[in-house]
Structure formats: structure tokens, C-alpha cells
Amino acid sequence: MALTFFKIPRNKKFNYRPVYYDQKKEEREKRMKAALEEETGDYEKALRERMQLQWKRTAGARSRRASNQRLVIIFVVIALLFYLVFFV
């Protein structure tokens, strides 16, 4: 063992394991659970969960549609301004 006057820093090691999240798989498992609960007789809870899932899906589509419409309107306004500035 050699004598050292300065301590050399070493790399730190971590035990990190990344977690993968699959939203479709989560929704599928919720639907399966709801179907099993429906068979056991807890119909109200299963219905409530189905309605929540349906609402989440339609809310995402609604926001995408609104965003696309807004983008088209912006392009139309820019094209109109471009036409007015350069051709009139």
C-alpha cells in the first residue's frame, strides 16, 4: 500500500432502476378490474369508473381538436396579413 497525501475522489454508485409507465396498460387493467367488480355486484362503482375513463378520453380529444382549430385560425390570419401587406 502506497502512501498518498491527497485523496483521489471516486465515482459514486447508485442503485437506480428506472420505472416504465404504460398508460394504455393501466387503463386496460382498470377496465378488467371494473368488469370483475361488475360481475361481483358492485355495479355503481364499476359504472362510475367507466364513466371517468370515458370522460378522460373525450377530454383529451376535445383539447386536441381545439388546439388544431386554433392553429388553423392563426395560419389563416397570418396568410391574410401577408396578402394584405405584400399584394395590396
C-alpha atoms as a PDB file:
ATOM      1  CA  MET A   1       0.000   0.000   0.000  1.00  0.00           C
ATOM      2  CA  ALA A   2       1.432   3.292  -1.109  1.00  0.00           C
ATOM      3  CA  LEU A   3       1.305   6.448   0.960  1.00  0.00           C
ATOM      4  CA  THR A   4      -0.794   9.216  -0.560  1.00  0.00           C
ATOM      5  CA  PHE A   5      -1.048  12.807   0.549  1.00  0.00           C
ATOM      6  CA  PHE A   6      -4.149  13.643  -1.474  1.00  0.00           C
ATOM      7  CA  LYS A   7      -7.354  11.707  -1.520  1.00  0.00           C
ATOM      8  CA  ILE A   8      -8.495  10.976  -5.085  1.00  0.00           C
ATOM      9  CA  PRO A   9     -12.298  11.207  -5.417  1.00  0.00           C
ATOM     10  CA  ARG A  10     -14.044   8.115  -6.719  1.00  0.00           C
ATOM     11  CA  ASN A  11     -17.227   7.848  -8.737  1.00  0.00           C
ATOM     12  CA  LYS A  12     -20.382   7.442  -6.708  1.00  0.00           C
ATOM     13  CA  LYS A  13     -22.515   4.392  -7.399  1.00  0.00           C
ATOM     14  CA  PHE A  14     -26.288   4.460  -7.248  1.00  0.00           C
ATOM     15  CA  ASN A  15     -28.818   1.654  -7.316  1.00  0.00           C
ATOM     16  CA  TYR A  16     -31.260   3.376  -9.659  1.00  0.00           C
ATOM     17  CA  ARG A  17     -33.794   1.268 -11.507  1.00  0.00           C
ATOM     18  CA  PRO A  18     -35.958   3.232 -13.970  1.00  0.00           C
ATOM     19  CA  VAL A  19     -39.707   2.695 -13.842  1.00  0.00           C
ATOM     20  CA  TYR A  20     -41.631   2.354 -17.090  1.00  0.00           C
ATOM     21  CA  TYR A  21     -45.200   3.672 -17.117  1.00  0.00           C
ATOM     22  CA  ASP A  22     -47.637   2.381 -19.725  1.00  0.00           C
ATOM     23  CA  GLN A  23     -50.865   4.376 -19.666  1.00  0.00           C
ATOM     24  CA  LYS A  24     -52.726   2.004 -22.001  1.00  0.00           C
ATOM     25  CA  LYS A  25     -51.826  -0.957 -19.810  1.00  0.00           C
ATOM     26  CA  GLU A  26     -53.053   0.892 -16.703  1.00  0.00           C
ATOM     27  CA  GLU A  27     -56.389   1.698 -18.376  1.00  0.00           C
ATOM     28  CA  ARG A  28     -56.771  -1.899 -19.576  1.00  0.00           C
ATOM     29  CA  GLU A  29     -56.151  -3.196 -16.066  1.00  0.00           C
ATOM     30  CA  LYS A  30     -58.721  -0.737 -14.670  1.00  0.00           C
ATOM     31  CA  ARG A  31     -61.290  -1.941 -17.205  1.00  0.00           C
ATOM     32  CA  MET A  32     -60.589  -5.560 -16.306  1.00  0.00           C
ATOM     33  CA  LYS A  33     -60.952  -4.755 -12.618  1.00  0.00           C
ATOM     34  CA  ALA A  34     -64.201  -2.903 -13.312  1.00  0.00           C
ATOM     35  CA  ALA A  35     -65.535  -5.860 -15.293  1.00  0.00           C
ATOM     36  CA  LEU A  36     -64.724  -8.222 -12.444  1.00  0.00           C
ATOM     37  CA  GLU A  37     -66.404  -5.910  -9.936  1.00  0.00           C
ATOM     38  CA  GLU A  38     -69.435  -5.700 -12.193  1.00  0.00           C
ATOM     39  CA  GLU A  39     -69.723  -9.473 -12.076  1.00  0.00           C
ATOM     40  CA  THR A  40     -69.467  -9.479  -8.286  1.00  0.00           C
ATOM     41  CA  GLY A  41     -72.309  -6.991  -7.932  1.00  0.00           C
ATOM     42  CA  ASP A  42     -70.626  -3.626  -7.292  1.00  0.00           C
ATOM     43  CA  TYR A  43     -72.268  -2.144 -10.365  1.00  0.00           C
ATOM     44  CA  GLU A  44     -72.304   1.509  -9.261  1.00  0.00           C
ATOM     45  CA  LYS A  45     -68.567   1.654  -8.649  1.00  0.00           C
ATOM     46  CA  ALA A  46     -67.804  -0.060 -11.961  1.00  0.00           C
ATOM     47  CA  LEU A  47     -70.128   2.327 -13.802  1.00  0.00           C
ATOM     48  CA  ARG A  48     -68.536   5.343 -12.141  1.00  0.00           C
ATOM     49  CA  GLU A  49     -65.031   4.199 -13.152  1.00  0.00           C
ATOM     50  CA  ARG A  50     -66.140   3.531 -16.749  1.00  0.00           C
ATOM     51  CA  MET A  51     -67.664   6.992 -16.961  1.00  0.00           C
ATOM     52  CA  GLN A  52     -64.448   8.575 -15.617  1.00  0.00           C
ATOM     53  CA  LEU A  53     -62.322   6.714 -18.173  1.00  0.00           C
ATOM     54  CA  GLN A  54     -64.652   7.758 -20.992  1.00  0.00           C
ATOM     55  CA  TRP A  55     -64.554  11.385 -19.818  1.00  0.00           C
ATOM     56  CA  LYS A  56     -60.741  11.381 -19.737  1.00  0.00           C
ATOM     57  CA  ARG A  57     -60.569  10.019 -23.292  1.00  0.00           C
ATOM     58  CA  THR A  58     -63.033  12.559 -24.705  1.00  0.00           C
ATOM     59  CA  ALA A  59     -61.405  15.437 -22.822  1.00  0.00           C
ATOM     60  CA  GLY A  60     -58.057  14.694 -24.488  1.00  0.00           C
ATOM     61  CA  ALA A  61     -59.618  14.505 -27.943  1.00  0.00           C
ATOM     62  CA  ARG A  62     -61.568  17.696 -27.324  1.00  0.00           C
ATOM     63  CA  SER A  63     -58.457  19.628 -26.298  1.00  0.00           C
ATOM     64  CA  ARG A  64     -56.519  18.349 -29.342  1.00  0.00           C
ATOM     65  CA  ARG A  65     -59.353  19.389 -31.649  1.00  0.00           C
ATOM     66  CA  ALA A  66     -59.488  22.862 -30.086  1.00  0.00           C
ATOM     67  CA  SER A  67     -55.724  23.199 -30.418  1.00  0.00           C
ATOM     68  CA  ASN A  68     -55.829  22.200 -34.087  1.00  0.00           C
ATOM     69  CA  GLN A  69     -58.638  24.662 -34.801  1.00  0.00           C
ATOM     70  CA  ARG A  70     -56.699  27.447 -33.096  1.00  0.00           C
ATOM     71  CA  LEU A  71     -53.627  26.611 -35.173  1.00  0.00           C
ATOM     72  CA  VAL A  72     -55.622  26.733 -38.435  1.00  0.00           C
ATOM     73  CA  ILE A  73     -57.123  30.098 -37.487  1.00  0.00           C
ATOM     74  CA  ILE A  74     -53.656  31.502 -36.726  1.00  0.00           C
ATOM     75  CA  PHE A  75     -52.352  30.317 -40.111  1.00  0.00           C
ATOM     76  CA  VAL A  76     -55.325  31.872 -41.904  1.00  0.00           C
ATOM     77  CA  VAL A  77     -54.808  35.205 -40.125  1.00  0.00           C
ATOM     78  CA  ILE A  78     -51.075  35.179 -40.925  1.00  0.00           C
ATOM     79  CA  ALA A  79     -51.766  34.354 -44.585  1.00  0.00           C
ATOM     80  CA  LEU A  80     -54.358  37.156 -44.769  1.00  0.00           C
ATOM     81  CA  LEU A  81     -51.937  39.655 -43.227  1.00  0.00           C
ATOM     82  CA  PHE A  82     -49.190  38.508 -45.588  1.00  0.00           C
ATOM     83  CA  TYR A  83     -51.523  39.014 -48.563  1.00  0.00           C
ATOM     84  CA  LEU A  84     -52.591  42.472 -47.357  1.00  0.00           C
ATOM     85  CA  VAL A  85     -49.024  43.644 -46.709  1.00  0.00           C
ATOM     86  CA  PHE A  86     -47.399  42.409 -49.931  1.00  0.00           C
ATOM     87  CA  PHE A  87     -50.161  42.383 -52.562  1.00  0.00           C
ATOM     88  CA  VAL A  88     -52.451  45.304 -51.720  1.00  0.00           C
END
